[in-house]
Amino acid sequence: MNLKIYHMYPDLLNLYGDRGNIIVLKKRAEWRGIEVFVINFTRDDEKNLEEADMIFLGGGSDREQGLLYSHLFKYKNLLKEMIEDGVVILAICGGYQLLGNYYLDAYGNKIEGLSVLDFYTKAEKGRLIGNILVETNLPLMVKTLVGFENHGGRTYHSYTPLGKVIKGYGNNGKDGYEGLIYNNLFGTYLHGPILSKNPHFADFLLKRALERKYNREIKLRDLDDKEEFWAHKKLKEIILKEGSPLRAPFKRLLF
């Protein structure tokens, strides 16, 4: 078995070590004998996006999103088709925001999104910063996700959320939810990178991508994850003991 994972704009979308998610996916697949081809997709080196089994969009500032928007816009209709067809997509922070209709920044500037999904993001007073603990809606044996968030934008949507915030802020710090699920697209504000702290989520994404590609149920071979889940558990304990997360003054360059 093999998978093609398209890493979108790794030169621009890599806040807080988000490219680590690619490393985690690749290694956890290879440890099971699954060959992984990581294809870097950039403005200067376009590849056949329709060949992707999985797409990863990392986090980026308003500047980076502005630089790549017009380029990625060419693939808007293709992305919509791929989302409807169940291609697995993980989108983090700025990459997540980019899939919506628009981002309204702190100065009232409207940064257009791809509108592949019907939601929007706007800057509001204070940044939402800190560790975050989420009870996920995904069918996972371990029902929690841990990570780090740092965003001034608040996202509002009516889709199924990735999960319920136990500690932290999530999409907007108001409704108590984090992220978005639509078909096999997963948007989230969890950095860190998210998959190194949540190996069960990484395996879920691999399984979904393989099942779509081979059109059959896939059972992933178990790995020795004692250390990974010990780290997940310890971070969860730390987050639960922490005080209120930090609300920092808004800075334009970081979402």
Protein backbone atom coordinates (compact mmCIF):
# COMPACT_ATOMS: atom_id res chain seq x y z
CA MET A 1 0.00 0.00 0.00
CA ASN A 2 1.09 3.58 -0.54
CA LEU A 3 -0.14 7.13 -0.05
CA LYS A 4 0.58 10.45 -1.71
CA ILE A 5 0.55 13.29 0.81
CA TYR A 6 0.57 16.78 -0.70
CA HIS A 7 2.23 19.36 1.53
CA MET A 8 0.78 22.68 0.41
CA TYR A 9 3.18 25.66 0.37
CA PRO A 10 5.68 24.36 2.97
CA ASP A 11 7.76 27.49 2.35
CA LEU A 12 4.92 29.77 3.53
CA LEU A 13 2.62 27.78 5.80
CA ASN A 14 4.70 26.50 8.72
CA LEU A 15 3.88 28.35 11.94
CA TYR A 16 4.87 26.66 15.23
CA GLY A 17 6.46 23.65 13.56
CA ASP A 18 3.36 22.54 11.65
CA ARG A 19 5.51 20.68 9.13
CA GLY A 20 6.07 18.17 11.95
CA ASN A 21 2.65 16.79 11.10
CA ILE A 22 4.02 15.55 7.78
CA ILE A 23 6.91 13.82 9.57
CA VAL A 24 4.52 12.08 11.96
CA LEU A 25 2.22 10.86 9.19
CA LYS A 26 5.13 9.59 7.11
CA LYS A 27 6.85 7.73 9.94
CA ARG A 28 3.69 6.17 11.37
CA ALA A 29 2.82 4.87 7.92
CA GLU A 30 6.33 3.61 7.17
CA TRP A 31 6.55 1.80 10.51
CA ARG A 32 3.62 -0.25 9.22
CA GLY A 33 5.18 -0.96 5.84
CA ILE A 34 3.08 1.66 4.01
CA GLU A 35 5.06 3.64 1.44
CA VAL A 36 4.51 7.40 1.61
CA PHE A 37 5.34 9.94 -1.08
CA VAL A 38 5.42 13.52 0.24
CA ILE A 39 4.85 16.00 -2.58
CA ASN A 40 5.73 19.62 -1.88
CA PHE A 41 3.30 21.87 -3.74
CA THR A 42 4.49 25.48 -4.13
CA ARG A 43 3.86 28.52 -6.29
CA ASP A 44 7.03 27.73 -8.23
CA ASP A 45 6.53 23.98 -8.40
CA GLU A 46 2.95 22.97 -9.08
CA LYS A 47 2.10 19.28 -9.10
CA ASN A 48 -0.98 17.29 -10.15
CA LEU A 49 -3.11 18.04 -7.10
CA GLU A 50 -5.86 15.61 -8.15
CA GLU A 51 -3.43 12.75 -7.45
CA ALA A 52 -3.38 13.53 -3.72
CA ASP A 53 -4.60 10.93 -1.22
CA MET A 54 -4.13 13.47 1.58
CA ILE A 55 -3.59 17.24 1.64
CA PHE A 56 -1.95 19.22 4.42
CA LEU A 57 -2.31 23.00 4.86
CA GLY A 58 -0.27 24.45 7.69
CA GLY A 59 -0.61 27.73 9.55
CA GLY A 60 0.44 31.08 8.13
CA SER A 61 0.22 34.80 8.82
CA ASP A 62 -1.95 37.24 6.89
CA ARG A 63 1.08 38.10 4.73
CA GLU A 64 1.66 34.48 3.71
CA GLN A 65 -2.02 33.89 3.06
CA GLY A 66 -2.14 37.00 0.89
CA LEU A 67 0.86 35.80 -1.11
CA LEU A 68 -0.60 32.41 -1.92
CA TYR A 69 -4.30 33.23 -2.22
CA SER A 70 -4.30 34.14 -5.91
CA HIS A 71 -2.25 31.07 -6.71
CA LEU A 72 -4.41 28.65 -4.75
CA PHE A 73 -7.57 30.28 -6.13
CA LYS A 74 -6.84 28.55 -9.45
CA TYR A 75 -7.50 25.25 -7.67
CA LYS A 76 -10.67 26.34 -5.87
CA ASN A 77 -13.08 24.23 -7.92
CA LEU A 78 -10.77 21.23 -7.87
CA LEU A 79 -10.46 21.49 -4.08
CA LYS A 80 -14.25 21.60 -3.75
CA GLU A 81 -14.53 18.46 -5.88
CA MET A 82 -11.85 16.67 -3.88
CA ILE A 83 -13.50 17.59 -0.58
CA GLU A 84 -16.84 16.25 -1.80
CA ASP A 85 -15.07 13.12 -3.03
CA GLY A 86 -13.68 12.47 0.46
CA VAL A 87 -10.01 13.31 0.03
CA VAL A 88 -8.46 13.62 3.49
CA ILE A 89 -7.44 17.20 4.28
CA LEU A 90 -5.88 18.54 7.47
CA ALA A 91 -5.86 22.34 7.68
CA ILE A 92 -4.25 24.21 10.57
CA CYS A 93 -5.00 27.78 11.73
CA GLY A 94 -4.29 30.06 8.74
CA GLY A 95 -4.77 27.12 6.37
CA TYR A 96 -8.09 26.40 8.06
CA GLN A 97 -9.20 30.03 7.79
CA LEU A 98 -8.23 30.16 4.12
CA LEU A 99 -10.89 27.57 3.22
CA GLY A 100 -13.71 29.87 4.36
CA ASN A 101 -15.30 32.92 2.75
CA TYR A 102 -13.10 35.62 4.24
CA TYR A 103 -10.94 36.87 7.11
CA LEU A 104 -11.71 40.34 8.47
CA ASP A 105 -8.53 41.63 10.11
CA ALA A 106 -8.14 44.06 13.01
CA TYR A 107 -7.95 47.04 10.62
CA GLY A 108 -11.15 46.17 8.81
CA ASN A 109 -9.36 44.76 5.77
CA LYS A 110 -11.23 41.87 4.18
CA ILE A 111 -8.90 39.08 3.14
CA GLU A 112 -10.73 36.84 0.70
CA GLY A 113 -10.84 33.12 1.34
CA LEU A 114 -11.35 30.31 -1.13
CA SER A 115 -15.01 29.85 -0.14
CA VAL A 116 -14.75 26.10 -0.53
CA LEU A 117 -16.75 25.96 2.72
CA ASP A 118 -19.30 28.45 4.06
CA PHE A 119 -17.72 30.10 7.12
CA TYR A 120 -15.81 33.22 8.05
CA THR A 121 -13.16 34.48 10.46
CA LYS A 122 -12.72 37.91 11.98
CA ALA A 123 -10.21 39.54 14.28
CA GLU A 124 -11.48 40.52 17.71
CA LYS A 125 -9.86 42.13 20.73
CA GLY A 126 -7.06 40.10 22.28
CA ARG A 127 -5.27 37.00 21.04
CA LEU A 128 -6.27 33.52 22.15
CA ILE A 129 -3.06 31.90 23.37
CA GLY A 130 -2.23 28.81 25.37
CA ASN A 131 -2.45 25.06 25.65
CA ILE A 132 -5.80 23.59 24.70
CA LEU A 133 -7.63 20.38 25.58
CA VAL A 134 -10.50 19.16 23.40
CA GLU A 135 -12.99 16.32 23.72
CA THR A 136 -13.23 15.20 20.11
CA ASN A 137 -16.27 14.20 18.07
CA LEU A 138 -14.14 11.76 16.10
CA PRO A 139 -14.64 7.99 16.61
CA LEU A 140 -11.34 7.52 18.44
CA MET A 141 -10.56 5.22 21.38
CA VAL A 142 -8.80 8.12 23.09
CA LYS A 143 -11.37 10.91 23.06
CA THR A 144 -9.09 13.87 23.81
CA LEU A 145 -6.87 16.05 21.65
CA VAL A 146 -4.16 18.30 23.09
CA GLY A 147 -2.31 21.15 21.45
CA PHE A 148 -1.32 24.80 21.47
CA GLU A 149 -3.32 27.70 20.04
CA ASN A 150 -2.28 31.25 19.21
CA HIS A 151 -4.70 33.20 17.05
CA GLY A 152 -6.33 36.61 16.91
CA GLY A 153 -8.98 35.48 14.45
CA ARG A 154 -12.28 34.01 15.61
CA THR A 155 -13.91 31.48 13.31
CA TYR A 156 -17.68 31.08 13.09
CA HIS A 157 -19.40 28.20 11.30
CA SER A 158 -22.36 25.81 11.50
CA TYR A 159 -20.50 22.61 10.59
CA THR A 160 -19.78 19.76 12.99
CA PRO A 161 -16.89 20.89 15.20
CA LEU A 162 -13.77 18.80 15.67
CA GLY A 163 -14.64 18.75 19.36
CA LYS A 164 -15.73 20.49 22.53
CA VAL A 165 -13.23 22.68 24.36
CA ILE A 166 -12.44 21.43 27.86
CA LYS A 167 -9.65 23.96 28.47
CA GLY A 168 -8.65 26.77 26.14
CA TYR A 169 -10.52 28.81 23.55
CA GLY A 170 -11.00 26.95 20.26
CA ASN A 171 -12.72 28.51 17.26
CA ASN A 172 -13.77 31.79 18.84
CA GLY A 173 -13.56 31.60 22.63
CA LYS A 174 -17.34 31.89 22.90
CA ASP A 175 -19.27 28.86 21.70
CA GLY A 176 -17.05 26.27 23.39
CA TYR A 177 -16.09 24.40 20.23
CA GLU A 178 -12.86 23.80 18.33
CA GLY A 179 -12.22 23.07 14.69
CA LEU A 180 -14.42 21.80 11.90
CA ILE A 181 -15.33 18.47 10.31
CA TYR A 182 -16.78 18.14 6.82
CA ASN A 183 -16.49 14.79 5.02
CA ASN A 184 -12.78 13.98 5.41
CA LEU A 185 -11.72 17.61 5.87
CA PHE A 186 -10.53 18.56 9.35
CA GLY A 187 -9.81 22.17 10.27
CA THR A 188 -8.27 23.09 13.61
CA TYR A 189 -6.38 25.76 15.54
CA LEU A 190 -4.19 23.17 17.29
CA HIS A 191 -0.51 23.69 16.63
CA GLY A 192 2.34 21.94 18.27
CA PRO A 193 2.32 20.06 15.84
CA ILE A 194 -1.03 18.47 16.60
CA LEU A 195 -0.22 14.96 15.35
CA SER A 196 2.92 14.43 17.44
CA LYS A 197 0.82 14.98 20.58
CA ASN A 198 -2.13 12.98 19.29
CA PRO A 199 -0.95 9.80 17.53
CA HIS A 200 -4.51 8.43 17.55
CA PHE A 201 -5.59 11.34 15.34
CA ALA A 202 -2.65 10.71 12.98
CA ASP A 203 -3.66 7.06 12.61
CA PHE A 204 -7.28 8.07 12.03
CA LEU A 205 -6.21 10.28 9.11
CA LEU A 206 -4.01 7.54 7.64
CA LYS A 207 -6.81 4.99 7.93
CA ARG A 208 -9.35 7.30 6.27
CA ALA A 209 -6.95 8.05 3.40
CA LEU A 210 -6.13 4.39 2.83
CA GLU A 211 -9.76 3.31 2.95
CA ARG A 212 -10.73 5.90 0.39
CA LYS A 213 -7.85 4.98 -1.91
CA TYR A 214 -8.30 1.20 -1.74
CA ASN A 215 -12.09 1.25 -1.30
CA ARG A 216 -12.10 -1.25 1.55
CA GLU A 217 -11.83 -1.34 5.31
CA ILE A 218 -8.25 -1.02 6.52
CA LYS A 219 -6.96 -2.21 9.89
CA LEU A 220 -3.71 -0.52 10.81
CA ARG A 221 -1.12 -2.63 12.59
CA ASP A 222 -0.70 -1.62 16.24
CA LEU A 223 2.45 0.29 17.15
CA ASP A 224 4.23 0.49 20.49
CA ASP A 225 2.82 3.86 21.50
CA LYS A 226 3.41 3.74 25.24
CA GLU A 227 5.67 6.80 25.22
CA GLU A 228 3.44 8.78 22.87
CA PHE A 229 0.32 8.21 24.95
CA TRP A 230 2.22 8.81 28.19
CA ALA A 231 3.19 12.23 26.77
CA HIS A 232 -0.41 12.87 25.71
CA LYS A 233 -1.67 11.97 29.17
CA LYS A 234 0.92 14.12 30.97
CA LEU A 235 0.19 17.14 28.80
CA LYS A 236 -3.53 16.68 29.44
CA GLU A 237 -2.85 16.68 33.18
CA ILE A 238 -0.73 19.82 32.89
CA ILE A 239 -3.41 21.63 30.90
CA LEU A 240 -6.11 20.73 33.42
CA LYS A 241 -3.97 22.15 36.24
CA GLU A 242 -3.18 25.40 34.42
CA GLY A 243 -4.88 28.69 35.17
CA SER A 244 -6.82 30.63 32.57
CA PRO A 245 -5.09 30.85 29.16
CA LEU A 246 -3.49 34.10 28.13
CA ARG A 247 -5.30 36.84 26.27
CA ALA A 248 -2.59 38.92 24.65
CA PRO A 249 -2.91 42.21 22.75
CA PHE A 250 -3.63 41.72 19.05
CA LYS A 251 -0.69 41.70 16.65
CA ARG A 252 -1.52 41.80 12.98
CA LEU A 253 1.16 39.48 11.60
CA LEU A 254 0.05 36.29 13.32
CA PHE A 255 -3.35 34.71 13.10
